[in-house]
All heavy atoms as atom14 arrays in JSON, in Angstrom:
{
  "sequence": "LSSSLSFPGLEIDLKRYEVRRQQELVPLSAKEFEL",
  "atom14_mask": [
    [1, 1, 1, 1, 1, 1, 1, 1, 0, 0, 0, 0, 0, 0],
    [1, 1, 1, 1, 1, 1, 0, 0, 0, 0, 0, 0, 0, 0],
    [1, 1, 1, 1, 1, 1, 0, 0, 0, 0, 0, 0, 0, 0],
    [1, 1, 1, 1, 1, 1, 0, 0, 0, 0, 0, 0, 0, 0],
    [1, 1, 1, 1, 1, 1, 1, 1, 0, 0, 0, 0, 0, 0],
    [1, 1, 1, 1, 1, 1, 0, 0, 0, 0, 0, 0, 0, 0],
    [1, 1, 1, 1, 1, 1, 1, 1, 1, 1, 1, 0, 0, 0],
    [1, 1, 1, 1, 1, 1, 1, 0, 0, 0, 0, 0, 0, 0],
    [1, 1, 1, 1, 0, 0, 0, 0, 0, 0, 0, 0, 0, 0],
    [1, 1, 1, 1, 1, 1, 1, 1, 0, 0, 0, 0, 0, 0],
    [1, 1, 1, 1, 1, 1, 1, 1, 1, 0, 0, 0, 0, 0],
    [1, 1, 1, 1, 1, 1, 1, 1, 0, 0, 0, 0, 0, 0],
    [1, 1, 1, 1, 1, 1, 1, 1, 0, 0, 0, 0, 0, 0],
    [1, 1, 1, 1, 1, 1, 1, 1, 0, 0, 0, 0, 0, 0],
    [1, 1, 1, 1, 1, 1, 1, 1, 1, 0, 0, 0, 0, 0],
    [1, 1, 1, 1, 1, 1, 1, 1, 1, 1, 1, 0, 0, 0],
    [1, 1, 1, 1, 1, 1, 1, 1, 1, 1, 1, 1, 0, 0],
    [1, 1, 1, 1, 1, 1, 1, 1, 1, 0, 0, 0, 0, 0],
    [1, 1, 1, 1, 1, 1, 1, 0, 0, 0, 0, 0, 0, 0],
    [1, 1, 1, 1, 1, 1, 1, 1, 1, 1, 1, 0, 0, 0],
    [1, 1, 1, 1, 1, 1, 1, 1, 1, 1, 1, 0, 0, 0],
    [1, 1, 1, 1, 1, 1, 1, 1, 1, 0, 0, 0, 0, 0],
    [1, 1, 1, 1, 1, 1, 1, 1, 1, 0, 0, 0, 0, 0],
    [1, 1, 1, 1, 1, 1, 1, 1, 1, 0, 0, 0, 0, 0],
    [1, 1, 1, 1, 1, 1, 1, 1, 0, 0, 0, 0, 0, 0],
    [1, 1, 1, 1, 1, 1, 1, 0, 0, 0, 0, 0, 0, 0],
    [1, 1, 1, 1, 1, 1, 1, 0, 0, 0, 0, 0, 0, 0],
    [1, 1, 1, 1, 1, 1, 1, 1, 0, 0, 0, 0, 0, 0],
    [1, 1, 1, 1, 1, 1, 0, 0, 0, 0, 0, 0, 0, 0],
    [1, 1, 1, 1, 1, 0, 0, 0, 0, 0, 0, 0, 0, 0],
    [1, 1, 1, 1, 1, 1, 1, 1, 1, 0, 0, 0, 0, 0],
    [1, 1, 1, 1, 1, 1, 1, 1, 1, 0, 0, 0, 0, 0],
    [1, 1, 1, 1, 1, 1, 1, 1, 1, 1, 1, 0, 0, 0],
    [1, 1, 1, 1, 1, 1, 1, 1, 1, 0, 0, 0, 0, 0],
    [1, 1, 1, 1, 1, 1, 1, 1, 0, 0, 0, 0, 0, 0]
  ],
  "atom14_positions": [
    [[-12.02, 10.58, 11.12], [-11.02, 10.13, 10.17], [-9.86, 11.11, 10.03], [-8.87, 10.81, 9.39], [-11.68, 9.89, 8.8], [-12.75, 8.79, 8.78], [-13.31, 8.65, 7.37], [-12.18, 7.46, 9.25], [0.0, 0.0, 0.0], [0.0, 0.0, 0.0], [0.0, 0.0, 0.0], [0.0, 0.0, 0.0], [0.0, 0.0, 0.0], [0.0, 0.0, 0.0]],
    [[-9.99, 12.3, 10.57], [-8.92, 13.27, 10.46], [-8.17, 13.46, 11.78], [-7.41, 14.4, 11.93], [-9.48, 14.62, 10.0], [-10.39, 15.14, 10.96], [0.0, 0.0, 0.0], [0.0, 0.0, 0.0], [0.0, 0.0, 0.0], [0.0, 0.0, 0.0], [0.0, 0.0, 0.0], [0.0, 0.0, 0.0], [0.0, 0.0, 0.0], [0.0, 0.0, 0.0]],
    [[-8.43, 12.57, 12.74], [-7.84, 12.73, 14.06], [-6.32, 12.71, 14.01], [-5.72, 11.8, 13.43], [-8.32, 11.61, 14.99], [-9.7, 11.75, 15.27], [0.0, 0.0, 0.0], [0.0, 0.0, 0.0], [0.0, 0.0, 0.0], [0.0, 0.0, 0.0], [0.0, 0.0, 0.0], [0.0, 0.0, 0.0], [0.0, 0.0, 0.0], [0.0, 0.0, 0.0]],
    [[-5.72, 13.71, 14.6], [-4.27, 13.75, 14.72], [-3.93, 14.64, 15.9], [-4.72, 15.51, 16.29], [-3.6, 14.28, 13.45], [-3.98, 15.61, 13.21], [0.0, 0.0, 0.0], [0.0, 0.0, 0.0], [0.0, 0.0, 0.0], [0.0, 0.0, 0.0], [0.0, 0.0, 0.0], [0.0, 0.0, 0.0], [0.0, 0.0, 0.0], [0.0, 0.0, 0.0]],
    [[-2.77, 14.41, 16.46], [-2.27, 15.19, 17.59], [-0.95, 15.81, 17.18], [-0.07, 15.11, 16.66], [-2.1, 14.32, 18.83], [-3.35, 13.56, 19.31], [-2.97, 12.58, 20.42], [-4.41, 14.53, 19.8], [0.0, 0.0, 0.0], [0.0, 0.0, 0.0], [0.0, 0.0, 0.0], [0.0, 0.0, 0.0], [0.0, 0.0, 0.0], [0.0, 0.0, 0.0]],
    [[-0.8, 17.1, 17.43], [0.41, 17.8, 17.02], [1.08, 18.46, 18.21], [0.42, 19.14, 19.01], [0.08, 18.87, 15.97], [-0.45, 18.29, 14.81], [0.0, 0.0, 0.0], [0.0, 0.0, 0.0], [0.0, 0.0, 0.0], [0.0, 0.0, 0.0], [0.0, 0.0, 0.0], [0.0, 0.0, 0.0], [0.0, 0.0, 0.0], [0.0, 0.0, 0.0]],
    [[2.39, 18.26, 18.31], [3.22, 18.9, 19.32], [4.49, 19.38, 18.63], [4.83, 18.88, 17.55], [3.54, 17.91, 20.45], [2.32, 17.33, 21.11], [1.75, 16.14, 20.63], [1.73, 17.96, 22.19], [0.62, 15.62, 21.22], [0.6, 17.44, 22.79], [0.04, 16.27, 22.3], [0.0, 0.0, 0.0], [0.0, 0.0, 0.0], [0.0, 0.0, 0.0]],
    [[5.19, 20.3, 19.2], [6.43, 20.78, 18.56], [7.38, 19.63, 18.25], [7.84, 18.93, 19.14], [7.02, 21.72, 19.61], [5.82, 22.24, 20.34], [4.88, 21.07, 20.43], [0.0, 0.0, 0.0], [0.0, 0.0, 0.0], [0.0, 0.0, 0.0], [0.0, 0.0, 0.0], [0.0, 0.0, 0.0], [0.0, 0.0, 0.0], [0.0, 0.0, 0.0]],
    [[7.6, 19.41, 16.96], [8.52, 18.35, 16.53], [7.92, 16.96, 16.5], [8.61, 16.01, 16.14], [0.0, 0.0, 0.0], [0.0, 0.0, 0.0], [0.0, 0.0, 0.0], [0.0, 0.0, 0.0], [0.0, 0.0, 0.0], [0.0, 0.0, 0.0], [0.0, 0.0, 0.0], [0.0, 0.0, 0.0], [0.0, 0.0, 0.0], [0.0, 0.0, 0.0]],
    [[6.63, 16.8, 16.86], [6.04, 15.47, 16.95], [4.61, 15.49, 16.42], [3.8, 16.32, 16.84], [6.05, 14.98, 18.4], [5.71, 13.5, 18.61], [6.83, 12.61, 18.08], [5.49, 13.22, 20.1], [0.0, 0.0, 0.0], [0.0, 0.0, 0.0], [0.0, 0.0, 0.0], [0.0, 0.0, 0.0], [0.0, 0.0, 0.0], [0.0, 0.0, 0.0]],
    [[4.28, 14.57, 15.51], [2.94, 14.41, 14.95], [2.47, 12.99, 15.19], [3.17, 12.03, 14.89], [2.93, 14.7, 13.46], [3.33, 16.11, 13.08], [2.24, 17.12, 13.38], [1.05, 16.72, 13.39], [2.57, 18.3, 13.61], [0.0, 0.0, 0.0], [0.0, 0.0, 0.0], [0.0, 0.0, 0.0], [0.0, 0.0, 0.0], [0.0, 0.0, 0.0]],
    [[1.23, 12.86, 15.72], [0.65, 11.54, 15.99], [-0.63, 11.42, 15.16], [-1.61, 12.12, 15.42], [0.34, 11.35, 17.48], [1.6, 11.59, 18.32], [-0.23, 9.96, 17.75], [1.33, 11.66, 19.81], [0.0, 0.0, 0.0], [0.0, 0.0, 0.0], [0.0, 0.0, 0.0], [0.0, 0.0, 0.0], [0.0, 0.0, 0.0], [0.0, 0.0, 0.0]],
    [[-0.62, 10.54, 14.16], [-1.77, 10.33, 13.28], [-2.58, 9.16, 13.82], [-2.16, 8.0, 13.73], [-1.3, 10.03, 11.86], [-2.44, 10.06, 10.85], [-3.55, 9.58, 11.18], [-2.23, 10.55, 9.73], [0.0, 0.0, 0.0], [0.0, 0.0, 0.0], [0.0, 0.0, 0.0], [0.0, 0.0, 0.0], [0.0, 0.0, 0.0], [0.0, 0.0, 0.0]],
    [[-3.74, 9.46, 14.4], [-4.56, 8.43, 15.04], [-5.32, 7.57, 14.04], [-5.83, 6.52, 14.4], [-5.54, 9.09, 16.02], [-4.9, 9.91, 17.14], [-5.98, 10.61, 17.96], [-4.04, 9.02, 18.03], [0.0, 0.0, 0.0], [0.0, 0.0, 0.0], [0.0, 0.0, 0.0], [0.0, 0.0, 0.0], [0.0, 0.0, 0.0], [0.0, 0.0, 0.0]],
    [[-5.43, 8.04, 12.81], [-6.1, 7.27, 11.78], [-5.17, 6.22, 11.18], [-5.55, 5.07, 11.01], [-6.6, 8.2, 10.67], [-7.16, 7.48, 9.46], [-7.45, 8.46, 8.33], [-7.85, 7.72, 7.06], [-8.05, 8.65, 5.93], [0.0, 0.0, 0.0], [0.0, 0.0, 0.0], [0.0, 0.0, 0.0], [0.0, 0.0, 0.0], [0.0, 0.0, 0.0]],
    [[-3.96, 6.62, 10.88], [-3.01, 5.73, 10.22], [-2.07, 5.02, 11.18], [-1.21, 4.25, 10.76], [-2.19, 6.52, 9.2], [-3.05, 7.12, 8.08], [-2.2, 7.94, 7.12], [-3.02, 8.49, 6.05], [-2.58, 9.31, 5.11], [-1.3, 9.68, 5.11], [-3.38, 9.78, 4.18], [0.0, 0.0, 0.0], [0.0, 0.0, 0.0], [0.0, 0.0, 0.0]],
    [[-2.2, 5.32, 12.46], [-1.31, 4.72, 13.47], [0.15, 5.01, 13.13], [1.0, 4.12, 13.12], [-1.55, 3.22, 13.59], [-2.94, 2.87, 14.07], [-3.92, 2.51, 13.16], [-3.29, 2.93, 15.41], [-5.21, 2.21, 13.59], [-4.56, 2.63, 15.85], [-5.52, 2.28, 14.93], [-6.8, 1.98, 15.34], [0.0, 0.0, 0.0], [0.0, 0.0, 0.0]],
    [[0.41, 6.29, 12.84], [1.76, 6.71, 12.49], [2.22, 7.84, 13.39], [1.43, 8.68, 13.81], [1.82, 7.19, 11.03], [1.63, 6.09, 10.02], [1.73, 6.61, 8.59], [1.76, 7.85, 8.39], [1.77, 5.77, 7.67], [0.0, 0.0, 0.0], [0.0, 0.0, 0.0], [0.0, 0.0, 0.0], [0.0, 0.0, 0.0], [0.0, 0.0, 0.0]],
    [[3.5, 7.85, 13.66], [4.12, 8.92, 14.45], [5.31, 9.45, 13.65], [6.11, 8.66, 13.11], [4.59, 8.41, 15.83], [5.39, 9.48, 16.56], [3.4, 7.97, 16.66], [0.0, 0.0, 0.0], [0.0, 0.0, 0.0], [0.0, 0.0, 0.0], [0.0, 0.0, 0.0], [0.0, 0.0, 0.0], [0.0, 0.0, 0.0], [0.0, 0.0, 0.0]],
    [[5.41, 10.77, 13.58], [6.54, 11.39, 12.89], [7.23, 12.37, 13.83], [6.58, 13.16, 14.5], [6.07, 12.12, 11.63], [5.53, 11.18, 10.57], [5.1, 11.89, 9.29], [4.55, 10.96, 8.33], [5.27, 10.25, 7.47], [6.59, 10.43, 7.44], [4.69, 9.4, 6.64], [0.0, 0.0, 0.0], [0.0, 0.0, 0.0], [0.0, 0.0, 0.0]],
    [[8.54, 12.27, 13.86], [9.37, 13.22, 14.63], [10.2, 14.02, 13.66], [10.93, 13.43, 12.85], [10.26, 12.48, 15.63], [11.09, 13.42, 16.49], [11.71, 12.69, 17.68], [12.73, 11.75, 17.27], [14.02, 12.05, 17.09], [14.43, 13.29, 17.27], [14.88, 11.13, 16.73], [0.0, 0.0, 0.0], [0.0, 0.0, 0.0], [0.0, 0.0, 0.0]],
    [[10.02, 15.34, 13.69], [10.7, 16.21, 12.72], [10.44, 15.72, 11.29], [11.35, 15.65, 10.45], [12.2, 16.27, 13.0], [12.56, 16.75, 14.39], [12.14, 18.21, 14.64], [11.77, 18.93, 13.74], [12.17, 18.62, 15.9], [0.0, 0.0, 0.0], [0.0, 0.0, 0.0], [0.0, 0.0, 0.0], [0.0, 0.0, 0.0], [0.0, 0.0, 0.0]],
    [[9.16, 15.36, 11.01], [8.7, 14.93, 9.69], [9.15, 13.53, 9.29], [8.78, 13.04, 8.23], [9.11, 15.92, 8.6], [8.69, 17.37, 8.87], [7.17, 17.51, 9.05], [6.4, 16.92, 8.3], [6.76, 18.28, 10.05], [0.0, 0.0, 0.0], [0.0, 0.0, 0.0], [0.0, 0.0, 0.0], [0.0, 0.0, 0.0], [0.0, 0.0, 0.0]],
    [[9.94, 12.87, 10.12], [10.41, 11.53, 9.78], [9.58, 10.48, 10.52], [9.32, 10.61, 11.71], [11.89, 11.37, 10.14], [12.82, 12.2, 9.28], [14.27, 11.85, 9.52], [14.54, 10.89, 10.27], [15.13, 12.56, 8.97], [0.0, 0.0, 0.0], [0.0, 0.0, 0.0], [0.0, 0.0, 0.0], [0.0, 0.0, 0.0], [0.0, 0.0, 0.0]],
    [[9.18, 9.44, 9.78], [8.36, 8.38, 10.34], [9.13, 7.62, 11.41], [10.27, 7.21, 11.2], [7.91, 7.42, 9.24], [6.9, 6.34, 9.63], [5.56, 6.97, 10.03], [6.69, 5.37, 8.46], [0.0, 0.0, 0.0], [0.0, 0.0, 0.0], [0.0, 0.0, 0.0], [0.0, 0.0, 0.0], [0.0, 0.0, 0.0], [0.0, 0.0, 0.0]],
    [[8.49, 7.43, 12.57], [9.09, 6.69, 13.68], [8.42, 5.32, 13.79], [7.2, 5.25, 13.99], [8.93, 7.45, 15.01], [9.54, 6.66, 16.16], [9.55, 8.83, 14.92], [0.0, 0.0, 0.0], [0.0, 0.0, 0.0], [0.0, 0.0, 0.0], [0.0, 0.0, 0.0], [0.0, 0.0, 0.0], [0.0, 0.0, 0.0], [0.0, 0.0, 0.0]],
    [[9.15, 4.23, 13.63], [8.53, 2.9, 13.73], [8.23, 2.54, 15.18], [9.15, 2.4, 16.0], [9.6, 1.97, 13.14], [10.9, 2.68, 13.37], [10.59, 4.16, 13.3], [0.0, 0.0, 0.0], [0.0, 0.0, 0.0], [0.0, 0.0, 0.0], [0.0, 0.0, 0.0], [0.0, 0.0, 0.0], [0.0, 0.0, 0.0], [0.0, 0.0, 0.0]],
    [[6.94, 2.41, 15.5], [6.52, 2.02, 16.84], [5.77, 0.7, 16.78], [5.09, 0.4, 15.8], [5.58, 3.08, 17.45], [6.12, 4.49, 17.68], [5.05, 5.34, 18.36], [7.39, 4.47, 18.51], [0.0, 0.0, 0.0], [0.0, 0.0, 0.0], [0.0, 0.0, 0.0], [0.0, 0.0, 0.0], [0.0, 0.0, 0.0], [0.0, 0.0, 0.0]],
    [[5.89, -0.09, 17.83], [5.06, -1.28, 17.95], [3.63, -0.85, 18.27], [3.38, 0.3, 18.64], [5.59, -2.19, 19.06], [5.36, -1.6, 20.34], [0.0, 0.0, 0.0], [0.0, 0.0, 0.0], [0.0, 0.0, 0.0], [0.0, 0.0, 0.0], [0.0, 0.0, 0.0], [0.0, 0.0, 0.0], [0.0, 0.0, 0.0], [0.0, 0.0, 0.0]],
    [[2.7, -1.78, 18.1], [1.3, -1.45, 18.38], [1.11, -0.99, 19.82], [0.41, -0.01, 20.08], [0.42, -2.68, 18.1], [0.0, 0.0, 0.0], [0.0, 0.0, 0.0], [0.0, 0.0, 0.0], [0.0, 0.0, 0.0], [0.0, 0.0, 0.0], [0.0, 0.0, 0.0], [0.0, 0.0, 0.0], [0.0, 0.0, 0.0], [0.0, 0.0, 0.0]],
    [[1.76, -1.65, 20.75], [1.61, -1.28, 22.15], [2.25, 0.06, 22.45], [1.71, 0.85, 23.24], [2.19, -2.37, 23.05], [1.76, -2.29, 24.49], [0.24, -2.37, 24.65], [-0.33, -3.67, 24.17], [-1.8, -3.73, 24.3], [0.0, 0.0, 0.0], [0.0, 0.0, 0.0], [0.0, 0.0, 0.0], [0.0, 0.0, 0.0], [0.0, 0.0, 0.0]],
    [[3.38, 0.34, 21.84], [4.02, 1.64, 22.03], [3.12, 2.76, 21.51], [2.99, 3.8, 22.15], [5.37, 1.67, 21.31], [6.44, 0.82, 21.98], [7.66, 0.62, 21.11], [7.63, 1.0, 19.92], [8.66, 0.06, 21.61], [0.0, 0.0, 0.0], [0.0, 0.0, 0.0], [0.0, 0.0, 0.0], [0.0, 0.0, 0.0], [0.0, 0.0, 0.0]],
    [[2.49, 2.54, 20.35], [1.59, 3.56, 19.8], [0.39, 3.78, 20.71], [-0.03, 4.92, 20.95], [1.12, 3.17, 18.4], [0.26, 4.22, 17.74], [0.84, 5.24, 17.01], [-1.12, 4.2, 17.88], [0.07, 6.23, 16.42], [-1.9, 5.19, 17.3], [-1.31, 6.2, 16.57], [0.0, 0.0, 0.0], [0.0, 0.0, 0.0], [0.0, 0.0, 0.0]],
    [[-0.18, 2.71, 21.21], [-1.34, 2.83, 22.11], [-0.98, 3.6, 23.37], [-1.74, 4.45, 23.85], [-1.88, 1.44, 22.45], [-2.52, 0.74, 21.26], [-2.72, -0.74, 21.5], [-2.59, -1.18, 22.68], [-3.0, -1.47, 20.54], [0.0, 0.0, 0.0], [0.0, 0.0, 0.0], [0.0, 0.0, 0.0], [0.0, 0.0, 0.0], [0.0, 0.0, 0.0]],
    [[0.17, 3.29, 23.92], [0.62, 3.97, 25.14], [0.85, 5.46, 24.88], [0.39, 6.32, 25.65], [1.91, 3.31, 25.65], [2.56, 3.91, 26.89], [1.59, 3.93, 28.06], [3.82, 3.11, 27.25], [0.0, 0.0, 0.0], [0.0, 0.0, 0.0], [0.0, 0.0, 0.0], [0.0, 0.0, 0.0], [0.0, 0.0, 0.0], [0.0, 0.0, 0.0]]
  ]
}
């Protein structure tokens, strides 16, 4: 439930299906997030 991936300037929350770039939420489609 705490799965997340962190890279410089980019956060990928695998639980909430959210991506943030420089702390700002990036709207992705389901397929874009999976890819």
